[in-house]
Amino acid sequence: MVLSAVFLCLGVLFTASPASGAAIFGIPAPNGVSAGYLRAIGVRDVALALYLGGLACFSTRRAVCLVLGASVLIPICDVILVWSSGTATPWQFALHAGSGASLALVAVWVWRPSVSV
């Protein structure tokens, strides 16, 4: 649920203040109508938060692991995007890499066998 809350906060930030979201993401905010893409990133993050939270509450462990594992693709692509832009700082790379690592680690943690007491 913590990951869900983090992505929800990021999504709200990108939707409410696209320039602030871009500053965190690592690629400068575009001008004009192109800035709409930043809000699209926000909506993507809100959707990610909602399906992570919903699955965590109402689905099987296997489904949660599959979604978390598939979601690792998002920060991998984000790292590639900020690297190819040439505008990101080391902490922005670390933010995306940490996001991917967190998704992967939670997937592994949820996948672990249940221990009966």
N, C-alpha and C. Protein backbone atom coordinates (compact mmCIF):
# COMPACT_ATOMS: atom_id res chain seq x y z
N MET A 1 0.82 -1.20 0.00
CA MET A 1 0.00 0.00 0.00
C MET A 1 0.87 1.27 0.00
N VAL A 2 2.08 1.17 0.55
CA VAL A 2 2.98 2.32 0.56
C VAL A 2 3.34 2.71 -0.88
N LEU A 3 3.65 1.71 -1.71
CA LEU A 3 3.95 2.01 -3.10
C LEU A 3 2.76 2.67 -3.79
N SER A 4 1.58 2.19 -3.48
CA SER A 4 0.37 2.78 -4.04
C SER A 4 0.27 4.25 -3.64
N ALA A 5 0.52 4.54 -2.39
CA ALA A 5 0.44 5.93 -1.91
C ALA A 5 1.50 6.81 -2.56
N VAL A 6 2.70 6.28 -2.76
CA VAL A 6 3.77 7.05 -3.40
C VAL A 6 3.39 7.41 -4.82
N PHE A 7 2.91 6.41 -5.58
CA PHE A 7 2.53 6.69 -6.97
C PHE A 7 1.31 7.59 -7.05
N LEU A 8 0.41 7.50 -6.08
CA LEU A 8 -0.74 8.40 -6.05
C LEU A 8 -0.27 9.84 -5.85
N CYS A 9 0.66 10.05 -4.92
CA CYS A 9 1.18 11.40 -4.68
C CYS A 9 1.91 11.94 -5.92
N LEU A 10 2.70 11.10 -6.57
CA LEU A 10 3.39 11.54 -7.78
C LEU A 10 2.39 11.88 -8.88
N GLY A 11 1.36 11.07 -9.02
CA GLY A 11 0.34 11.33 -10.04
C GLY A 11 -0.39 12.63 -9.80
N VAL A 12 -0.73 12.88 -8.54
CA VAL A 12 -1.41 14.14 -8.21
C VAL A 12 -0.48 15.32 -8.48
N LEU A 13 0.80 15.18 -8.14
CA LEU A 13 1.76 16.25 -8.40
C LEU A 13 1.85 16.56 -9.89
N PHE A 14 2.02 15.53 -10.72
CA PHE A 14 2.12 15.74 -12.16
C PHE A 14 0.85 16.35 -12.73
N THR A 15 -0.29 15.99 -12.19
CA THR A 15 -1.55 16.50 -12.69
C THR A 15 -1.77 17.94 -12.24
N ALA A 16 -1.47 18.24 -10.98
CA ALA A 16 -1.71 19.57 -10.43
C ALA A 16 -0.62 20.58 -10.80
N SER A 17 0.63 20.12 -10.85
CA SER A 17 1.75 21.02 -11.12
C SER A 17 2.74 20.33 -12.06
N PRO A 18 2.41 20.30 -13.35
CA PRO A 18 3.26 19.58 -14.31
C PRO A 18 4.73 19.99 -14.29
N ALA A 19 5.01 21.27 -14.12
CA ALA A 19 6.41 21.72 -14.12
C ALA A 19 7.17 21.15 -12.92
N SER A 20 6.52 21.07 -11.76
CA SER A 20 7.17 20.47 -10.58
C SER A 20 7.41 18.99 -10.81
N GLY A 21 6.44 18.32 -11.39
CA GLY A 21 6.60 16.91 -11.70
C GLY A 21 7.75 16.67 -12.66
N ALA A 22 7.86 17.52 -13.67
CA ALA A 22 8.95 17.40 -14.64
C ALA A 22 10.30 17.61 -13.97
N ALA A 23 10.37 18.54 -13.02
CA ALA A 23 11.62 18.80 -12.32
C ALA A 23 12.06 17.57 -11.53
N ILE A 24 11.12 16.83 -10.99
CA ILE A 24 11.45 15.60 -10.26
C ILE A 24 11.79 14.49 -11.23
N PHE A 25 11.05 14.39 -12.33
CA PHE A 25 11.23 13.31 -13.30
C PHE A 25 12.61 13.34 -13.93
N GLY A 26 13.08 14.53 -14.31
CA GLY A 26 14.42 14.64 -14.88
C GLY A 26 14.48 15.12 -16.32
N ILE A 27 13.34 15.44 -16.88
CA ILE A 27 13.29 16.01 -18.23
C ILE A 27 12.56 17.33 -18.13
N PRO A 28 13.12 18.42 -18.67
CA PRO A 28 12.46 19.72 -18.54
C PRO A 28 11.04 19.70 -19.10
N ALA A 29 10.19 20.49 -18.49
CA ALA A 29 8.79 20.59 -18.93
C ALA A 29 8.73 21.26 -20.29
N PRO A 30 7.96 20.70 -21.22
CA PRO A 30 7.79 21.36 -22.52
C PRO A 30 6.86 22.55 -22.39
N ASN A 31 6.86 23.39 -23.39
CA ASN A 31 5.98 24.56 -23.41
C ASN A 31 4.74 24.27 -24.24
N GLY A 32 3.73 25.07 -24.02
CA GLY A 32 2.54 25.01 -24.84
C GLY A 32 1.72 23.74 -24.65
N VAL A 33 1.11 23.31 -25.72
CA VAL A 33 0.20 22.18 -25.67
C VAL A 33 0.94 20.88 -25.33
N SER A 34 2.24 20.81 -25.59
CA SER A 34 3.02 19.62 -25.27
C SER A 34 3.07 19.33 -23.78
N ALA A 35 2.84 20.33 -22.97
CA ALA A 35 2.84 20.13 -21.51
C ALA A 35 1.75 19.16 -21.08
N GLY A 36 0.77 18.93 -21.94
CA GLY A 36 -0.28 17.96 -21.63
C GLY A 36 0.26 16.57 -21.38
N TYR A 37 1.41 16.25 -21.96
CA TYR A 37 2.01 14.94 -21.73
C TYR A 37 2.38 14.74 -20.26
N LEU A 38 2.73 15.80 -19.59
CA LEU A 38 3.06 15.67 -18.17
C LEU A 38 1.83 15.27 -17.36
N ARG A 39 0.69 15.81 -17.70
CA ARG A 39 -0.54 15.39 -17.03
C ARG A 39 -0.86 13.94 -17.37
N ALA A 40 -0.52 13.51 -18.57
CA ALA A 40 -0.72 12.10 -18.94
C ALA A 40 0.13 11.20 -18.05
N ILE A 41 1.35 11.63 -17.74
CA ILE A 41 2.20 10.88 -16.81
C ILE A 41 1.52 10.82 -15.45
N GLY A 42 0.92 11.93 -15.03
CA GLY A 42 0.22 11.96 -13.75
C GLY A 42 -0.94 10.99 -13.71
N VAL A 43 -1.71 10.96 -14.78
CA VAL A 43 -2.83 10.03 -14.84
C VAL A 43 -2.33 8.59 -14.84
N ARG A 44 -1.23 8.33 -15.53
CA ARG A 44 -0.62 6.98 -15.51
C ARG A 44 -0.24 6.58 -14.09
N ASP A 45 0.36 7.49 -13.36
CA ASP A 45 0.77 7.18 -12.00
C ASP A 45 -0.42 7.00 -11.06
N VAL A 46 -1.47 7.78 -11.25
CA VAL A 46 -2.68 7.60 -10.44
C VAL A 46 -3.29 6.24 -10.74
N ALA A 47 -3.36 5.87 -12.02
CA ALA A 47 -3.91 4.56 -12.39
C ALA A 47 -3.06 3.44 -11.79
N LEU A 48 -1.74 3.57 -11.86
CA LEU A 48 -0.85 2.58 -11.26
C LEU A 48 -1.13 2.46 -9.77
N ALA A 49 -1.27 3.58 -9.10
CA ALA A 49 -1.56 3.57 -7.65
C ALA A 49 -2.87 2.85 -7.36
N LEU A 50 -3.88 3.13 -8.16
CA LEU A 50 -5.19 2.53 -7.92
C LEU A 50 -5.18 1.03 -8.17
N TYR A 51 -4.53 0.60 -9.24
CA TYR A 51 -4.54 -0.85 -9.45
C TYR A 51 -3.62 -1.58 -8.49
N LEU A 52 -2.52 -0.97 -8.06
CA LEU A 52 -1.70 -1.61 -7.04
C LEU A 52 -2.46 -1.73 -5.71
N GLY A 53 -3.12 -0.64 -5.32
CA GLY A 53 -3.90 -0.67 -4.09
C GLY A 53 -5.07 -1.63 -4.16
N GLY A 54 -5.78 -1.60 -5.28
CA GLY A 54 -6.92 -2.50 -5.45
C GLY A 54 -6.51 -3.95 -5.44
N LEU A 55 -5.44 -4.28 -6.15
CA LEU A 55 -4.97 -5.66 -6.16
C LEU A 55 -4.48 -6.09 -4.78
N ALA A 56 -3.79 -5.20 -4.10
CA ALA A 56 -3.28 -5.55 -2.77
C ALA A 56 -4.43 -5.86 -1.81
N CYS A 57 -5.54 -5.18 -1.97
CA CYS A 57 -6.68 -5.38 -1.06
C CYS A 57 -7.61 -6.51 -1.48
N PHE A 58 -7.76 -6.73 -2.78
CA PHE A 58 -8.84 -7.60 -3.24
C PHE A 58 -8.44 -8.75 -4.15
N SER A 59 -7.17 -9.03 -4.31
CA SER A 59 -6.78 -10.05 -5.26
C SER A 59 -5.83 -11.06 -4.63
N THR A 60 -5.42 -12.00 -5.46
CA THR A 60 -4.50 -13.03 -4.99
C THR A 60 -3.07 -12.51 -4.98
N ARG A 61 -2.24 -13.18 -4.22
CA ARG A 61 -0.82 -12.81 -4.17
C ARG A 61 -0.18 -12.93 -5.54
N ARG A 62 -0.58 -13.97 -6.27
CA ARG A 62 -0.01 -14.19 -7.60
C ARG A 62 -0.32 -13.01 -8.53
N ALA A 63 -1.57 -12.54 -8.50
CA ALA A 63 -1.95 -11.41 -9.34
C ALA A 63 -1.16 -10.16 -8.96
N VAL A 64 -1.00 -9.93 -7.66
CA VAL A 64 -0.23 -8.77 -7.21
C VAL A 64 1.21 -8.87 -7.71
N CYS A 65 1.81 -10.05 -7.61
CA CYS A 65 3.19 -10.24 -8.06
C CYS A 65 3.32 -10.01 -9.56
N LEU A 66 2.37 -10.52 -10.33
CA LEU A 66 2.43 -10.33 -11.78
C LEU A 66 2.34 -8.85 -12.15
N VAL A 67 1.44 -8.13 -11.51
CA VAL A 67 1.29 -6.71 -11.82
C VAL A 67 2.52 -5.92 -11.37
N LEU A 68 3.02 -6.22 -10.18
CA LEU A 68 4.23 -5.53 -9.71
C LEU A 68 5.41 -5.82 -10.64
N GLY A 69 5.56 -7.08 -11.01
CA GLY A 69 6.65 -7.44 -11.92
C GLY A 69 6.54 -6.75 -13.26
N ALA A 70 5.34 -6.71 -13.82
CA ALA A 70 5.13 -6.02 -15.10
C ALA A 70 5.35 -4.52 -14.97
N SER A 71 5.00 -3.97 -13.82
CA SER A 71 5.13 -2.54 -13.60
C SER A 71 6.58 -2.08 -13.50
N VAL A 72 7.50 -2.99 -13.30
CA VAL A 72 8.92 -2.64 -13.26
C VAL A 72 9.35 -2.05 -14.61
N LEU A 73 8.63 -2.39 -15.66
CA LEU A 73 8.93 -1.84 -16.98
C LEU A 73 8.82 -0.31 -17.01
N ILE A 74 7.91 0.25 -16.22
CA ILE A 74 7.72 1.71 -16.22
C ILE A 74 9.00 2.43 -15.77
N PRO A 75 9.55 2.13 -14.59
CA PRO A 75 10.77 2.86 -14.21
C PRO A 75 11.98 2.52 -15.08
N ILE A 76 12.02 1.31 -15.64
CA ILE A 76 13.13 0.98 -16.56
C ILE A 76 13.08 1.92 -17.75
N CYS A 77 11.89 2.08 -18.31
CA CYS A 77 11.74 3.00 -19.45
C CYS A 77 12.00 4.45 -19.04
N ASP A 78 11.58 4.81 -17.81
CA ASP A 78 11.84 6.16 -17.33
C ASP A 78 13.35 6.44 -17.24
N VAL A 79 14.12 5.47 -16.76
CA VAL A 79 15.58 5.63 -16.69
C VAL A 79 16.14 5.84 -18.10
N ILE A 80 15.68 5.06 -19.05
CA ILE A 80 16.14 5.20 -20.43
C ILE A 80 15.78 6.58 -20.98
N LEU A 81 14.56 7.03 -20.69
CA LEU A 81 14.13 8.35 -21.18
C LEU A 81 14.97 9.48 -20.61
N VAL A 82 15.19 9.46 -19.29
CA VAL A 82 15.96 10.56 -18.70
C VAL A 82 17.44 10.47 -19.11
N TRP A 83 17.95 9.26 -19.29
CA TRP A 83 19.33 9.11 -19.74
C TRP A 83 19.49 9.67 -21.16
N SER A 84 18.53 9.33 -22.03
CA SER A 84 18.64 9.78 -23.42
C SER A 84 18.40 11.28 -23.57
N SER A 85 17.71 11.88 -22.58
CA SER A 85 17.49 13.33 -22.66
C SER A 85 18.75 14.12 -22.33
N GLY A 86 19.62 13.52 -21.53
CA GLY A 86 20.85 14.20 -21.13
C GLY A 86 20.64 15.32 -20.14
N THR A 87 19.46 15.42 -19.56
CA THR A 87 19.16 16.53 -18.65
C THR A 87 19.03 16.11 -17.20
N ALA A 88 19.07 14.82 -16.93
CA ALA A 88 18.82 14.34 -15.57
C ALA A 88 20.08 14.40 -14.71
N THR A 89 19.84 14.53 -13.43
CA THR A 89 20.92 14.52 -12.44
C THR A 89 20.99 13.12 -11.82
N PRO A 90 22.08 12.83 -11.11
CA PRO A 90 22.19 11.49 -10.49
C PRO A 90 21.02 11.15 -9.55
N TRP A 91 20.51 12.13 -8.80
CA TRP A 91 19.41 11.80 -7.89
C TRP A 91 18.14 11.44 -8.65
N GLN A 92 17.98 11.99 -9.86
CA GLN A 92 16.80 11.65 -10.66
C GLN A 92 16.93 10.23 -11.21
N PHE A 93 18.13 9.84 -11.62
CA PHE A 93 18.35 8.44 -12.01
C PHE A 93 18.07 7.52 -10.82
N ALA A 94 18.57 7.91 -9.67
CA ALA A 94 18.38 7.10 -8.46
C ALA A 94 16.90 6.98 -8.11
N LEU A 95 16.15 8.04 -8.31
CA LEU A 95 14.72 8.01 -8.03
C LEU A 95 14.02 6.96 -8.89
N HIS A 96 14.30 6.95 -10.19
CA HIS A 96 13.68 5.98 -11.09
C HIS A 96 14.18 4.57 -10.81
N ALA A 97 15.47 4.43 -10.60
CA ALA A 97 16.03 3.11 -10.30
C ALA A 97 15.48 2.58 -8.97
N GLY A 98 15.37 3.46 -7.98
CA GLY A 98 14.80 3.06 -6.70
C GLY A 98 13.35 2.65 -6.82
N SER A 99 12.62 3.33 -7.67
CA SER A 99 11.22 2.98 -7.92
C SER A 99 11.13 1.57 -8.49
N GLY A 100 11.95 1.28 -9.49
CA GLY A 100 11.96 -0.05 -10.09
C GLY A 100 12.39 -1.12 -9.10
N ALA A 101 13.43 -0.81 -8.33
CA ALA A 101 13.89 -1.76 -7.33
C ALA A 101 12.82 -2.02 -6.27
N SER A 102 12.11 -0.97 -5.87
CA SER A 102 11.04 -1.14 -4.88
C SER A 102 9.94 -2.03 -5.42
N LEU A 103 9.52 -1.79 -6.66
CA LEU A 103 8.49 -2.65 -7.26
C LEU A 103 8.95 -4.10 -7.31
N ALA A 104 10.19 -4.31 -7.74
CA ALA A 104 10.71 -5.67 -7.85
C ALA A 104 10.83 -6.33 -6.48
N LEU A 105 11.34 -5.59 -5.49
CA LEU A 105 11.50 -6.17 -4.16
C LEU A 105 10.16 -6.50 -3.51
N VAL A 106 9.18 -5.65 -3.69
CA VAL A 106 7.85 -5.95 -3.13
C VAL A 106 7.25 -7.16 -3.84
N ALA A 107 7.46 -7.28 -5.15
CA ALA A 107 6.97 -8.45 -5.88
C ALA A 107 7.59 -9.72 -5.33
N VAL A 108 8.88 -9.70 -5.10
CA VAL A 108 9.57 -10.88 -4.54
C VAL A 108 9.07 -11.15 -3.12
N TRP A 109 8.90 -10.11 -2.34
CA TRP A 109 8.43 -10.26 -0.96
C TRP A 109 7.03 -10.86 -0.91
N VAL A 110 6.15 -10.39 -1.77
CA VAL A 110 4.79 -10.92 -1.80
C VAL A 110 4.77 -12.35 -2.32
N TRP A 111 5.68 -12.67 -3.23
CA TRP A 111 5.73 -14.00 -3.85
C TRP A 111 6.22 -15.08 -2.88
N ARG A 112 6.96 -14.68 -1.85
CA ARG A 112 7.56 -15.67 -0.96
C ARG A 112 6.48 -16.61 -0.41
N PRO A 113 6.87 -17.84 -0.13
CA PRO A 113 5.89 -18.81 0.37
C PRO A 113 5.29 -18.38 1.70
N SER A 114 4.02 -18.70 1.87
CA SER A 114 3.35 -18.41 3.14
C SER A 114 3.88 -19.34 4.21
N VAL A 115 4.01 -18.80 5.39
CA VAL A 115 4.46 -19.60 6.53
C VAL A 115 3.26 -19.83 7.43
N SER A 116 2.93 -21.10 7.61
CA SER A 116 1.80 -21.44 8.50
C SER A 116 2.31 -21.58 9.91
N VAL A 117 1.56 -21.01 10.85
CA VAL A 117 1.97 -21.09 12.26
C VAL A 117 1.01 -21.96 12.99
